[in-house]
Structure formats: C-alpha cells, structure tokens
Amino acid sequence: MEISNKNQFVKYFLLMAAILVVLNIVSRTLFFRWDATDSKMYSLSDASREVIGKLEDQLVAKVYFSSNMPNTYANSRRYLQDLLEEYQAYSGGRFRFEFFDPAEDAKTQEQARNYNIPPVQLQAIENDKMEIKNVYMGLVFLYRDKKETVPVIQTTQGLEYNLTATIKKITATNLKTVGIISEENEEVTTQNLSKFLEQLYTIRRVELSSAIPSEIQAIIMNGVSDSLKPDELYHLDQFVMRGGQLFIAQGSVKDFLQQGFATEIRSNIFSWLEHYGVKVGKELLTDAKCSKIQIQTQQGPFVFRNAIDYPVFPLIQKFNTDHPITKGLSQARVFFVSELSQTEGVKTAFTPLMFTSDKTGVLPGPFFQIQPNQNPMMQAFAFPSKCIAGMIEGTMSSFFSGDSAYSRKTDFIQSTNSGRILLITDNQFFNDRRGGGVEENTEWILNAVDYLTGDQELIAIRARDVTLQPLQDVGDTARKSLKWINIVLPAVVIVLLGFYRWKRNRDRRKLLEELYA
C-alpha cells in the first residue's frame, strides 16, 4: 500500500490497529499450540476442556505464588499460568484467575493463611551460600459459596489432574460415595488410599455386619483370610445384586513374611466368586521380573545387608492395553498373588487386565516356604504369563437364590443385569503398608474406581502423566552387544573423523602446491 499523504497514513494506521484488535480478540479463544510429547502432556486434555466447559457459574482461582522463588521451582509458576490461561480460554468466559505475591505484603499473607495456604520453606543457593526461603505456592478455587484449596504446588507432575479434579469436586452438586471394607490395625490401614479418593468422592467405612447403605455406589475391599459369616456374605451379595460395583483384593495366600512362610487361605468367599464367574488359583506365583528385598548376612564378625530379587513380589509390566482402566499404565507392584481364571460354564463376561511376565513360576500349597535361600523352586520360572487381575460383568443370579432362608427375605434381590466385580489376587492390595502405599499402584486403583463409578473423564488425564517408563528387557546377549557398541562406537567414529580431516587437509595441501609451486 502506497502512502502519499497524511489522510492515507491515518487510514493505514487505523486499519492496522483494527486488525490487531480483532486478532487479539480471536486469539483469546482460537489459538494453536504445538506439543511434541507423545501424550500431549503440555496441552489441556479433552477431559479438562469438557469439565471447564460445563461451568454454570463464575469460577475464580486466586493464586498465591511468591516472586522470589528458587530457580528450581520457577518453572512451576510458568507451567501453572499456562494451564490456567488454557482453562480460561475454554471456559466460555466463566473462569478467571488472579496471581498474588504475598512475599512483601502482610495483608496478602493473611489472605493466603485464611484460605489454608501455608508458607513453605525451600532451600536455595544464592550468592554462593545456602539459604532457607519462606515462599507461597498454592491456590484456592472459589465457586458460588464453596472453596477448594490446593495448598502447595511444588511440581508440575500431575498438576492438570489435580486442578481438574478440584474443579470437578467444587462444581459437583452431589459427590458419589465410595465405601471401604478393611480391618484397621497396626499392620493394615487405608488412610493413604482414602486421602487420594477424597479428592473426588465421599468416603465411608463399611461393615458387612449390616446391609450396605444404598447411597454407596462402589466398594473397595481388602481380602479376607477366613470365611465370612453367612449374613456378611449375604450383605455383600445383595450389594452386587442391586447394581453396586465391587473392587476386591482377594488372594488365596496369607503370608507370615517375618517367619518366612505362607499358608493357603480357606474361605467361603472363593465359592461366592466362582459362582459369579471367576476362580482364584490355590498356588502361589513367582516371577523372574520382581521387586527386591534387603536381607542380612553375617560373614565372620561382619554383618552385611544385600538387596536380592524376591520372586513372590512380582513387578507387573504387562497390561490389557485396550481397557480404559489399564490403558497407559507402565508398572504395578503386587505381593503374594495367585492365578485368576474364568469359571467354566458361567456366562458372565471375563476381561483379564494384569499379567505376570513370560518367566513365571508356581509354588504348590497349602504350605509355602518363601525364603529364597531355602527354597530352590523360587528360582524356577517354567511357566508363561498368567493373569492376576480381571473383571467379570453381565447378568448375575444371586448366590443365595437356592437358600430357603435368605431367598425368602422381603428385600431379597434375585438377579441383576448389570453386575460387575473387579478382582486382583493380592490379598492386601489396598493396605497402605503394601500395595496401597506403592506410588505406581495408586494410578491403577484410582482408574478402577473412576471406571466403576462411571466417572471416566479423569482416567485420560491421569494416563498423560507418565511417571515411569521401564526399559524393555532385551535379553543378556543383546544387552552385552549394546554395551560393547556403546563403548567402541564413539572411539571408532572419532578415529574415522580424524582420518577424514587428515585426508582432506592432505588433498588441499597438494592442490595448493600444484597451483603455486
């Protein structure tokens, strides 16, 4: 455009200003981000967009983040701000956020404390010396008359999941209720698991001595080591018959780890499970791919502690990749498991979910010697992969249908078309001091509960945050070959480059001699 006078300059200036304003408005809702990660972990997921798009009223996030953060945590603020900007862009104008710096302002510090956002002490190296800093790094969501606080954001790992879960919780009108059935003592506790589940669900302790309350939609249950009383089994049965979702950790082995042995569990719950279509094997499985334990040995006056493989603690890396619960999982740790299979002649659908490795062993019962230095069978892995977790679902007829006493009760439910039982053969999988305390297992438990309650939006977000990518087992021969290639190849490449440069310099020198000799 040719500008030859003042009027044309003014028109050109106004036109460019109008274009910039329009582009700025459009870019607030239509923008593009190139995310090169496999899981698109730096872009807002479809599930988060759906959650933020369902807002019915104004949601406000007040972020209390100190500006004098140590360099290690500076990325957390940038990542958080990027996430909140994306939430705002997809909210249809119903979400906004504000950043506050409480570092120098006593009034802002008081506001943060009122929202239960505490100062956090962090170590930082500044001016060549170690310093301790008090910083704020939390936020609070305000929605109608409710508030939900995320008190500390120290890492970007799982941040989108935490934010979306908090938004779902604060905007929900009725939280779903999940029951936990487990004994609580010095050795068994589910406090850690309850803390994770409380992000999205109302948690209730349940006893089988009475009917399970109707508001409970799903139950997670640690295994039993003896038979249930008939009334207890009846209450569990009727919960499934009314459409309740059951996630049970029931193995066939009770361990006495400190004493070095385990015994077979004999319980009526196995007959109950077989009636609905799933059978727990009586043998104890071992696996060449396993966790390690520390053992103490004495050589003369010296005591040594060594880490050794413990095959009755399988390290699970083989999952059903087509099912939403296990899709995207990389690893789980289980303890004292048995094989899980479908009962013959039962019509419920069985879906296997988790498997041992291709080097699996079997220890016959009913008494199991579990000290590896005293039982050579613990090092024999002659069997292929075996299923240790799966789900049965479909039409189910009550276990008590043929019982004259229970089937005549006025509230007896005969059958269901939507029965569903998820089973893993680790008897203490929900114990915080066993499977429930293992970080890799938490994702799989939360996925399962979300799936059973019909709340699958967050499963996809959880799968994006890959916490562990186990190396592929390539075998001893390939490993040694790769090791020598890694040692020799760099030296060979350097020698070849040196030879190439020497030859190029020699050719150039010859050419110069021919030109100027």
Protein backbone atom coordinates (compact mmCIF):
# COMPACT_ATOMS: atom_id res chain seq x y z
CA MET A 1 0.00 0.00 0.00
CA GLU A 2 1.49 3.29 -1.11
CA ILE A 3 1.14 6.19 1.35
CA SER A 4 1.41 9.62 -0.27
CA ASN A 5 -0.38 11.94 2.16
CA LYS A 6 -1.43 12.38 5.79
CA ASN A 7 -5.00 11.07 5.29
CA GLN A 8 -3.74 7.82 3.79
CA PHE A 9 -1.33 7.41 6.72
CA VAL A 10 -4.18 7.86 9.25
CA LYS A 11 -6.38 5.34 7.39
CA TYR A 12 -3.49 2.86 7.21
CA PHE A 13 -2.77 3.30 10.93
CA LEU A 14 -6.46 2.81 11.92
CA LEU A 15 -6.75 -0.25 9.65
CA MET A 16 -3.69 -1.93 11.19
CA ALA A 17 -4.91 -1.08 14.72
CA ALA A 18 -8.34 -2.61 13.95
CA ILE A 19 -6.70 -5.76 12.55
CA LEU A 20 -4.52 -6.12 15.66
CA VAL A 21 -7.53 -5.68 17.97
CA VAL A 22 -9.54 -8.31 16.06
CA LEU A 23 -6.59 -10.74 16.03
CA ASN A 24 -6.10 -10.24 19.76
CA ILE A 25 -9.79 -10.97 20.48
CA VAL A 26 -9.83 -14.03 18.20
CA SER A 27 -6.58 -15.39 19.65
CA ARG A 28 -8.12 -15.49 23.14
CA THR A 29 -10.41 -18.32 22.04
CA LEU A 30 -8.76 -19.65 18.89
CA PHE A 31 -5.12 -20.44 19.40
CA PHE A 32 -2.68 -23.12 18.43
CA ARG A 33 -0.06 -24.92 20.48
CA TRP A 34 2.45 -27.35 19.06
CA ASP A 35 3.06 -30.08 21.67
CA ALA A 36 5.69 -32.62 20.58
CA THR A 37 5.23 -35.02 23.55
CA ASP A 38 3.61 -38.41 22.85
CA SER A 39 0.86 -37.87 25.43
CA LYS A 40 0.39 -34.12 24.65
CA MET A 41 1.13 -33.51 28.31
CA TYR A 42 1.74 -29.76 27.80
CA SER A 43 -1.70 -29.15 26.26
CA LEU A 44 -5.04 -29.13 28.02
CA SER A 45 -6.72 -32.53 27.66
CA ASP A 46 -10.17 -33.05 26.15
CA ALA A 47 -11.43 -34.14 29.58
CA SER A 48 -10.29 -30.86 31.20
CA ARG A 49 -11.86 -28.85 28.38
CA GLU A 50 -15.12 -30.72 28.91
CA VAL A 51 -15.05 -30.11 32.68
CA ILE A 52 -14.29 -26.39 32.37
CA GLY A 53 -16.85 -26.07 29.55
CA LYS A 54 -19.65 -27.34 31.84
CA LEU A 55 -19.35 -24.46 34.32
CA GLU A 56 -22.74 -22.99 35.16
CA ASP A 57 -21.45 -20.04 37.17
CA GLN A 58 -18.31 -17.94 37.66
CA LEU A 59 -15.27 -19.87 38.91
CA VAL A 60 -12.37 -17.83 40.27
CA ALA A 61 -8.85 -19.05 41.04
CA LYS A 62 -6.75 -16.94 43.42
CA VAL A 63 -3.13 -17.97 43.07
CA TYR A 64 -0.70 -17.10 45.87
CA PHE A 65 2.77 -17.52 44.41
CA SER A 66 5.87 -15.75 45.68
CA SER A 67 8.03 -13.97 43.12
CA ASN A 68 11.30 -14.78 44.90
CA MET A 69 11.12 -18.49 44.12
CA PRO A 70 14.32 -20.55 43.89
CA ASN A 71 15.25 -21.28 40.29
CA THR A 72 14.34 -24.95 40.75
CA TYR A 73 10.68 -24.03 41.18
CA ALA A 74 10.44 -21.13 38.75
CA ASN A 75 9.10 -23.45 36.05
CA SER A 76 6.16 -24.45 38.27
CA ARG A 77 4.77 -20.90 38.20
CA ARG A 78 5.16 -20.61 34.41
CA TYR A 79 3.54 -24.02 33.83
CA LEU A 80 0.68 -23.20 36.21
CA GLN A 81 0.00 -19.88 34.49
CA ASP A 82 -0.04 -21.56 31.05
CA LEU A 83 -2.53 -24.14 32.31
CA LEU A 84 -4.82 -21.54 33.86
CA GLU A 85 -4.76 -19.49 30.65
CA GLU A 86 -5.93 -22.55 28.73
CA TYR A 87 -8.68 -23.25 31.26
CA GLN A 88 -9.79 -19.64 30.86
CA ALA A 89 -9.78 -19.87 27.06
CA TYR A 90 -12.09 -22.92 27.06
CA SER A 91 -14.41 -21.72 29.85
CA GLY A 92 -16.69 -19.57 27.73
CA GLY A 93 -15.94 -16.60 29.99
CA ARG A 94 -16.88 -18.41 33.24
CA PHE A 95 -13.36 -18.82 34.62
CA ARG A 96 -10.77 -16.23 35.57
CA PHE A 97 -7.67 -16.23 37.72
CA GLU A 98 -5.51 -13.75 39.59
CA PHE A 99 -1.92 -14.01 40.83
CA PHE A 100 -0.93 -12.52 44.18
CA ASP A 101 2.58 -12.16 45.58
CA PRO A 102 2.47 -12.47 49.39
CA ALA A 103 6.25 -12.06 49.79
CA GLU A 104 6.23 -8.42 50.93
CA ASP A 105 2.59 -7.81 51.79
CA ALA A 106 1.32 -8.80 55.26
CA LYS A 107 -2.31 -8.39 54.21
CA THR A 108 -1.89 -10.80 51.27
CA GLN A 109 -0.12 -13.26 53.57
CA GLU A 110 -3.09 -13.15 55.91
CA GLN A 111 -5.46 -13.80 52.99
CA ALA A 112 -3.41 -16.85 52.00
CA ARG A 113 -3.50 -18.21 55.54
CA ASN A 114 -7.27 -17.69 55.67
CA TYR A 115 -7.54 -19.89 52.58
CA ASN A 116 -5.33 -22.54 54.28
CA ILE A 117 -2.36 -21.82 52.03
CA PRO A 118 0.72 -22.00 54.29
CA PRO A 119 4.23 -20.65 53.64
CA VAL A 120 6.64 -23.38 52.57
CA GLN A 121 10.34 -23.49 53.48
CA LEU A 122 12.60 -24.16 50.49
CA GLN A 123 16.36 -24.39 50.24
CA ALA A 124 18.07 -22.15 47.70
CA ILE A 125 21.68 -21.41 46.75
CA GLU A 126 22.13 -17.68 46.26
CA ASN A 127 25.29 -15.58 46.38
CA ASP A 128 27.30 -18.79 46.79
CA LYS A 129 25.58 -19.78 50.04
CA MET A 130 22.69 -21.96 51.11
CA GLU A 131 19.58 -20.07 52.22
CA ILE A 132 16.18 -21.06 53.54
CA LYS A 133 13.28 -19.18 51.97
CA ASN A 134 9.65 -18.93 53.08
CA VAL A 135 7.54 -18.89 49.93
CA TYR A 136 3.88 -19.32 48.99
CA MET A 137 2.91 -21.64 46.14
CA GLY A 138 -0.79 -22.53 46.39
CA LEU A 139 -4.17 -21.54 45.04
CA VAL A 140 -7.81 -21.55 46.01
CA PHE A 141 -10.85 -22.05 43.77
CA LEU A 142 -13.98 -20.04 44.63
CA TYR A 143 -17.33 -21.19 43.19
CA ARG A 144 -20.62 -19.83 44.46
CA ASP A 145 -20.34 -20.21 48.26
CA LYS A 146 -17.77 -23.01 48.14
CA LYS A 147 -13.98 -23.02 48.17
CA GLU A 148 -11.39 -25.71 47.49
CA THR A 149 -7.71 -25.17 48.23
CA VAL A 150 -4.61 -26.63 46.62
CA PRO A 151 -2.21 -25.61 49.42
CA VAL A 152 1.15 -26.42 47.80
CA ILE A 153 2.18 -26.80 44.14
CA GLN A 154 5.80 -27.93 44.16
CA THR A 155 5.83 -29.93 40.96
CA THR A 156 4.17 -29.88 37.56
CA GLN A 157 3.76 -33.67 37.67
CA GLY A 158 0.05 -34.43 37.78
CA LEU A 159 -0.84 -30.75 38.13
CA GLU A 160 -3.55 -30.76 35.43
CA TYR A 161 -5.16 -33.80 37.04
CA ASN A 162 -5.16 -32.14 40.48
CA LEU A 163 -6.64 -28.90 39.12
CA THR A 164 -9.34 -30.62 37.05
CA ALA A 165 -10.22 -32.97 39.93
CA THR A 166 -10.55 -29.98 42.26
CA ILE A 167 -12.76 -28.15 39.76
CA LYS A 168 -14.96 -31.24 39.38
CA LYS A 169 -15.28 -31.51 43.15
CA ILE A 170 -16.16 -27.86 43.78
CA THR A 171 -18.71 -27.72 40.94
CA ALA A 172 -20.36 -31.09 41.70
CA THR A 173 -23.81 -30.95 43.26
CA ASN A 174 -23.63 -34.47 44.71
CA LEU A 175 -20.36 -36.33 45.20
CA LYS A 176 -20.52 -40.06 44.64
CA THR A 177 -19.95 -42.25 47.69
CA VAL A 178 -17.31 -44.99 47.81
CA GLY A 179 -17.18 -47.46 50.69
CA ILE A 180 -14.07 -49.12 52.10
CA ILE A 181 -14.17 -52.54 53.76
CA SER A 182 -10.95 -53.31 55.56
CA GLU A 183 -9.75 -54.06 59.03
CA GLU A 184 -7.71 -51.22 60.54
CA ASN A 185 -4.82 -52.07 62.87
CA GLU A 186 -1.08 -51.57 63.21
CA GLU A 187 -0.39 -53.68 60.11
CA VAL A 188 -3.36 -52.76 57.90
CA THR A 189 -4.52 -49.24 57.16
CA THR A 190 -6.16 -47.47 54.22
CA GLN A 191 -5.63 -43.84 55.29
CA ASN A 192 -3.35 -43.05 52.35
CA LEU A 193 -5.81 -44.51 49.86
CA SER A 194 -8.70 -42.61 51.44
CA LYS A 195 -6.78 -39.34 51.07
CA PHE A 196 -6.47 -39.83 47.29
CA LEU A 197 -10.09 -40.90 46.87
CA GLU A 198 -11.41 -37.94 48.89
CA GLN A 199 -10.33 -35.67 46.04
CA LEU A 200 -13.40 -36.81 44.13
CA TYR A 201 -15.56 -38.99 46.33
CA THR A 202 -17.23 -39.10 49.69
CA ILE A 203 -15.54 -41.96 51.56
CA ARG A 204 -17.35 -44.12 54.11
CA ARG A 205 -16.20 -47.04 56.22
CA VAL A 206 -18.46 -50.04 55.73
CA GLU A 207 -19.12 -53.08 57.91
CA LEU A 208 -20.62 -56.26 56.48
CA SER A 209 -22.45 -56.99 59.72
CA SER A 210 -25.39 -54.97 58.39
CA ALA A 211 -26.85 -54.09 54.99
CA ILE A 212 -24.65 -51.82 52.90
CA PRO A 213 -26.21 -48.31 52.69
CA SER A 214 -27.97 -47.60 49.41
CA GLU A 215 -26.05 -44.36 48.72
CA ILE A 216 -22.79 -46.28 48.34
CA GLN A 217 -22.13 -46.86 44.65
CA ALA A 218 -18.80 -48.67 44.80
CA ILE A 219 -16.84 -50.59 47.39
CA ILE A 220 -13.15 -51.38 47.60
CA MET A 221 -12.38 -54.29 49.87
CA ASN A 222 -9.18 -55.86 51.20
CA GLY A 223 -9.22 -59.64 51.12
CA VAL A 224 -10.32 -61.87 53.96
CA SER A 225 -8.20 -64.66 55.44
CA ASP A 226 -11.11 -66.73 56.77
CA SER A 227 -14.74 -67.46 55.87
CA LEU A 228 -17.29 -64.68 56.14
CA LYS A 229 -20.35 -65.21 58.29
CA PRO A 230 -23.45 -66.08 56.20
CA ASP A 231 -25.04 -62.69 56.95
CA GLU A 232 -21.84 -60.86 55.94
CA LEU A 233 -21.63 -62.72 52.64
CA TYR A 234 -25.34 -62.10 52.07
CA HIS A 235 -24.93 -58.33 52.54
CA LEU A 236 -22.02 -58.30 50.08
CA ASP A 237 -24.05 -60.40 47.63
CA GLN A 238 -27.10 -58.12 47.78
CA PHE A 239 -24.88 -55.06 47.25
CA VAL A 240 -23.77 -56.58 43.92
CA MET A 241 -27.35 -57.61 43.08
CA ARG A 242 -28.61 -54.03 43.39
CA GLY A 243 -26.00 -52.85 40.90
CA GLY A 244 -23.24 -51.90 43.35
CA GLN A 245 -19.71 -52.00 41.95
CA LEU A 246 -17.21 -54.18 43.85
CA PHE A 247 -13.42 -53.90 43.64
CA ILE A 248 -12.00 -56.69 45.80
CA ALA A 249 -8.39 -57.70 46.54
CA GLN A 250 -8.76 -61.36 47.35
CA GLY A 251 -5.80 -63.71 47.17
CA SER A 252 -5.54 -67.31 48.27
CA VAL A 253 -2.31 -66.90 50.27
CA LYS A 254 -1.78 -65.49 53.75
CA ASP A 255 1.84 -64.59 54.36
CA PHE A 256 3.92 -64.60 57.51
CA LEU A 257 6.82 -62.72 55.99
CA GLN A 258 8.95 -62.32 59.10
CA GLN A 259 8.68 -66.05 59.85
CA GLY A 260 9.48 -66.95 56.21
CA PHE A 261 6.38 -68.90 55.24
CA ALA A 262 2.85 -68.52 53.92
CA THR A 263 -0.29 -70.65 54.06
CA GLU A 264 -3.32 -71.21 51.87
CA ILE A 265 -6.48 -69.26 52.74
CA ARG A 266 -9.64 -71.33 53.01
CA SER A 267 -12.75 -69.17 52.79
CA ASN A 268 -16.33 -69.33 51.51
CA ILE A 269 -15.66 -66.18 49.51
CA PHE A 270 -13.92 -68.27 46.83
CA SER A 271 -17.13 -70.27 46.23
CA TRP A 272 -19.02 -66.97 46.05
CA LEU A 273 -16.60 -65.58 43.45
CA GLU A 274 -16.65 -68.81 41.41
CA HIS A 275 -20.45 -68.63 41.33
CA TYR A 276 -20.17 -65.27 39.54
CA GLY A 277 -17.54 -66.43 37.08
CA VAL A 278 -14.01 -66.02 38.40
CA LYS A 279 -11.69 -68.51 40.08
CA VAL A 280 -8.65 -67.75 42.27
CA GLY A 281 -5.91 -70.41 41.97
CA LYS A 282 -4.52 -72.04 45.11
CA GLU A 283 -0.86 -71.91 44.03
CA LEU A 284 1.49 -69.04 44.84
CA LEU A 285 3.00 -67.42 41.74
CA THR A 286 6.64 -66.35 41.44
CA ASP A 287 8.06 -64.11 38.74
CA ALA A 288 11.59 -63.57 37.41
CA LYS A 289 10.69 -59.88 37.00
CA CYS A 290 10.20 -58.88 40.61
CA SER A 291 10.91 -56.35 43.35
CA LYS A 292 13.92 -56.64 45.64
CA ILE A 293 14.17 -57.09 49.38
CA GLN A 294 17.00 -56.44 51.80
CA ILE A 295 18.50 -59.49 53.53
CA GLN A 296 21.08 -59.55 56.27
CA THR A 297 24.05 -61.92 56.12
CA GLN A 298 26.93 -62.42 58.54
CA GLN A 299 30.49 -63.18 57.46
CA GLY A 300 32.70 -63.61 60.49
CA PRO A 301 32.28 -60.63 62.76
CA PHE A 302 30.75 -58.50 59.98
CA VAL A 303 27.08 -58.11 59.11
CA PHE A 304 26.15 -57.20 55.53
CA ARG A 305 22.83 -56.13 54.00
CA ASN A 306 22.24 -57.10 50.37
CA ALA A 307 19.36 -56.41 48.00
CA ILE A 308 18.15 -59.56 46.26
CA ASP A 309 15.31 -60.41 43.89
CA TYR A 310 12.21 -61.65 45.70
CA PRO A 311 10.09 -63.58 43.15
CA VAL A 312 6.89 -63.60 45.25
CA PHE A 313 6.77 -59.77 44.81
CA PRO A 314 6.06 -59.65 41.03
CA LEU A 315 6.77 -56.45 39.13
CA ILE A 316 3.87 -56.18 36.69
CA GLN A 317 4.59 -54.57 33.32
CA LYS A 318 2.09 -56.46 31.18
CA PHE A 319 -1.43 -54.98 30.99
CA ASN A 320 -4.55 -55.17 28.89
CA THR A 321 -3.83 -52.09 26.78
CA ASP A 322 -7.34 -51.98 25.28
CA HIS A 323 -9.19 -51.46 28.56
CA PRO A 324 -9.62 -47.91 30.00
CA ILE A 325 -8.51 -48.98 33.50
CA THR A 326 -5.12 -50.34 32.44
CA LYS A 327 -4.52 -48.44 29.20
CA GLY A 328 -1.41 -46.29 29.62
CA LEU A 329 -0.19 -47.99 32.79
CA SER A 330 3.50 -48.82 32.78
CA GLN A 331 4.11 -50.70 36.01
CA ALA A 332 2.49 -52.04 39.19
CA ARG A 333 3.84 -53.89 42.22
CA VAL A 334 1.91 -56.78 43.76
CA PHE A 335 2.59 -59.20 46.61
CA PHE A 336 1.83 -62.91 47.05
CA VAL A 337 -0.52 -63.34 44.08
CA SER A 338 -2.23 -66.36 42.54
CA GLU A 339 -3.59 -67.06 39.08
CA LEU A 340 -7.02 -65.71 38.14
CA SER A 341 -9.18 -67.55 35.59
CA GLN A 342 -12.78 -67.73 34.40
CA THR A 343 -15.09 -70.29 35.94
CA GLU A 344 -16.18 -72.89 33.40
CA GLY A 345 -19.87 -72.84 32.47
CA VAL A 346 -20.58 -69.34 33.82
CA LYS A 347 -21.88 -66.85 31.24
CA THR A 348 -20.63 -63.59 32.72
CA ALA A 349 -18.02 -61.82 30.59
CA PHE A 350 -14.46 -62.05 31.90
CA THR A 351 -11.87 -59.41 30.99
CA PRO A 352 -8.24 -60.11 32.04
CA LEU A 353 -6.38 -56.92 32.98
CA MET A 354 -2.95 -57.66 34.50
CA PHE A 355 -0.40 -60.42 33.88
CA THR A 356 2.89 -61.73 35.23
CA SER A 357 5.91 -61.85 32.91
CA ASP A 358 6.73 -64.66 30.48
CA LYS A 359 9.02 -66.16 33.13
CA THR A 360 6.55 -67.23 35.81
CA GLY A 361 6.89 -69.93 38.46
CA VAL A 362 4.35 -71.79 40.59
CA LEU A 363 4.70 -72.85 44.23
CA PRO A 364 2.19 -75.53 45.29
CA GLY A 365 0.43 -75.24 48.67
CA PRO A 366 -1.03 -75.43 51.18
CA PHE A 367 2.25 -74.51 52.94
CA PHE A 368 4.66 -72.18 51.15
CA GLN A 369 8.34 -71.79 52.03
CA ILE A 370 9.10 -68.20 50.95
CA GLN A 371 12.77 -67.83 51.92
CA PRO A 372 14.64 -67.76 48.59
CA ASN A 373 17.86 -69.24 50.03
CA GLN A 374 15.96 -72.25 51.38
CA ASN A 375 13.51 -72.94 48.54
CA PRO A 376 15.14 -73.55 45.12
CA MET A 377 11.68 -73.66 43.47
CA MET A 378 11.50 -69.89 43.93
CA GLN A 379 14.11 -69.59 41.17
CA ALA A 380 12.32 -71.87 38.69
CA PHE A 381 10.28 -69.97 36.11
CA ALA A 382 8.94 -72.65 33.77
CA PHE A 383 5.52 -71.17 33.02
CA PRO A 384 4.35 -68.45 30.64
CA SER A 385 2.49 -65.30 31.67
CA LYS A 386 -0.52 -65.73 33.97
CA CYS A 387 -3.47 -63.42 34.68
CA ILE A 388 -3.64 -61.96 38.21
CA ALA A 389 -6.41 -59.33 37.85
CA GLY A 390 -9.61 -59.15 35.84
CA MET A 391 -13.23 -58.10 35.74
CA ILE A 392 -16.47 -60.05 35.44
CA GLU A 393 -19.65 -58.32 34.37
CA GLY A 394 -23.07 -59.02 32.98
CA THR A 395 -26.22 -60.77 34.11
CA MET A 396 -25.82 -62.40 37.53
CA SER A 397 -28.16 -64.53 39.60
CA SER A 398 -27.80 -64.30 43.39
CA PHE A 399 -25.55 -66.80 45.19
CA PHE A 400 -28.39 -67.16 47.73
CA SER A 401 -31.14 -67.96 45.20
CA GLY A 402 -31.28 -71.58 46.33
CA ASP A 403 -31.13 -70.78 50.04
CA SER A 404 -34.56 -71.17 51.58
CA ALA A 405 -33.79 -68.83 54.49
CA TYR A 406 -32.24 -65.88 52.66
CA SER A 407 -34.26 -66.06 49.41
CA ARG A 408 -37.50 -65.56 51.37
CA LYS A 409 -36.42 -62.24 52.87
CA THR A 410 -38.75 -59.41 51.83
CA ASP A 411 -35.96 -57.27 50.36
CA PHE A 412 -34.16 -60.14 48.62
CA ILE A 413 -32.91 -59.28 45.11
CA GLN A 414 -32.87 -62.32 42.83
CA SER A 415 -30.65 -61.12 39.98
CA THR A 416 -29.11 -58.17 38.17
CA ASN A 417 -28.38 -57.37 34.54
CA SER A 418 -25.54 -55.01 35.39
CA GLY A 419 -23.39 -56.90 37.89
CA ARG A 420 -19.71 -56.03 37.96
CA ILE A 421 -16.85 -57.34 40.12
CA LEU A 422 -13.21 -56.31 39.69
CA LEU A 423 -10.73 -58.65 41.35
CA ILE A 424 -6.98 -58.68 41.97
CA THR A 425 -5.37 -61.66 43.71
CA ASP A 426 -3.16 -59.60 46.06
CA ASN A 427 -4.86 -60.01 49.45
CA GLN A 428 -3.67 -56.65 50.82
CA PHE A 429 -3.57 -54.56 47.68
CA PHE A 430 -5.37 -51.65 49.41
CA ASN A 431 -3.22 -51.75 52.53
CA ASP A 432 -1.08 -48.58 52.76
CA ARG A 433 1.77 -50.73 54.03
CA ARG A 434 1.55 -52.99 50.97
CA GLY A 435 0.08 -52.30 47.54
CA GLY A 436 -1.85 -49.20 48.58
CA GLY A 437 1.36 -47.45 49.60
CA VAL A 438 3.11 -48.02 46.26
CA GLU A 439 3.02 -44.93 44.06
CA GLU A 440 2.70 -46.92 40.81
CA ASN A 441 -0.39 -48.73 42.15
CA THR A 442 -2.28 -45.55 43.05
CA GLU A 443 -2.95 -44.68 39.41
CA TRP A 444 -4.40 -48.12 38.70
CA ILE A 445 -6.62 -48.04 41.82
CA LEU A 446 -7.96 -44.56 41.01
CA ASN A 447 -8.57 -45.58 37.37
CA ALA A 448 -10.54 -48.59 38.57
CA VAL A 449 -12.70 -46.59 40.99
CA ASP A 450 -13.38 -43.93 38.33
CA TYR A 451 -14.37 -46.63 35.85
CA LEU A 452 -16.65 -48.46 38.30
CA THR A 453 -18.45 -45.26 39.29
CA GLY A 454 -18.90 -44.27 35.65
CA ASP A 455 -16.66 -41.22 36.03
CA GLN A 456 -14.06 -41.83 33.34
CA GLU A 457 -13.14 -38.26 32.41
CA LEU A 458 -10.08 -38.15 34.64
CA ILE A 459 -8.62 -41.50 33.54
CA ALA A 460 -7.38 -39.96 30.31
CA ILE A 461 -5.67 -37.08 32.17
CA ARG A 462 -4.01 -39.45 34.63
CA ALA A 463 -2.62 -41.54 31.77
CA ARG A 464 -0.88 -38.47 30.26
CA ASP A 465 1.47 -38.04 33.21
CA VAL A 466 3.90 -40.83 32.65
CA THR A 467 5.77 -41.37 35.92
CA LEU A 468 7.77 -44.38 34.88
CA GLN A 469 8.90 -45.83 31.56
CA PRO A 470 10.53 -49.20 32.28
CA LEU A 471 13.32 -50.22 29.93
CA GLN A 472 12.45 -53.01 27.53
CA ASP A 473 14.04 -56.34 28.50
CA VAL A 474 16.26 -57.24 25.53
CA GLY A 475 17.98 -60.33 26.95
CA ASP A 476 21.58 -60.96 28.05
CA THR A 477 23.08 -61.34 24.54
CA ALA A 478 21.56 -58.13 23.17
CA ARG A 479 22.47 -56.26 26.37
CA LYS A 480 26.15 -57.26 26.09
CA SER A 481 26.20 -56.39 22.39
CA LEU A 482 24.71 -52.94 23.05
CA LYS A 483 27.19 -52.41 25.89
CA TRP A 484 30.22 -53.05 23.64
CA ILE A 485 28.74 -50.99 20.81
CA ASN A 486 28.32 -48.14 23.30
CA ILE A 487 31.97 -48.44 24.35
CA VAL A 488 33.60 -48.98 20.94
CA LEU A 489 31.41 -46.96 18.55
CA PRO A 490 32.32 -43.43 19.83
CA ALA A 491 36.06 -44.24 19.56
CA VAL A 492 35.62 -45.60 16.01
CA VAL A 493 33.64 -42.53 14.95
CA ILE A 494 36.34 -40.20 16.33
CA VAL A 495 39.10 -42.13 14.51
CA LEU A 496 37.16 -42.03 11.22
CA LEU A 497 36.55 -38.28 11.58
CA GLY A 498 40.25 -37.74 12.26
CA PHE A 499 41.19 -39.77 9.22
CA TYR A 500 38.70 -37.83 7.09
CA ARG A 501 40.11 -34.46 8.22
CA TRP A 502 43.69 -35.64 7.72
CA LYS A 503 42.87 -36.79 4.16
CA ARG A 504 41.02 -33.55 3.36
CA ASN A 505 43.96 -31.41 4.60
CA ARG A 506 46.41 -33.53 2.65
CA ASP A 507 44.38 -33.15 -0.59
CA ARG A 508 44.08 -29.39 -0.04
CA ARG A 509 47.82 -29.09 0.56
CA LYS A 510 48.54 -30.99 -2.66
CA LEU A 511 46.19 -28.73 -4.59
CA LEU A 512 47.89 -25.57 -3.26
CA GLU A 513 51.31 -26.99 -4.12
CA GLU A 514 50.18 -27.67 -7.68
CA LEU A 515 48.76 -24.14 -8.05
CA TYR A 516 51.65 -22.16 -6.55
CA ALA A 517 54.68 -24.41 -6.94
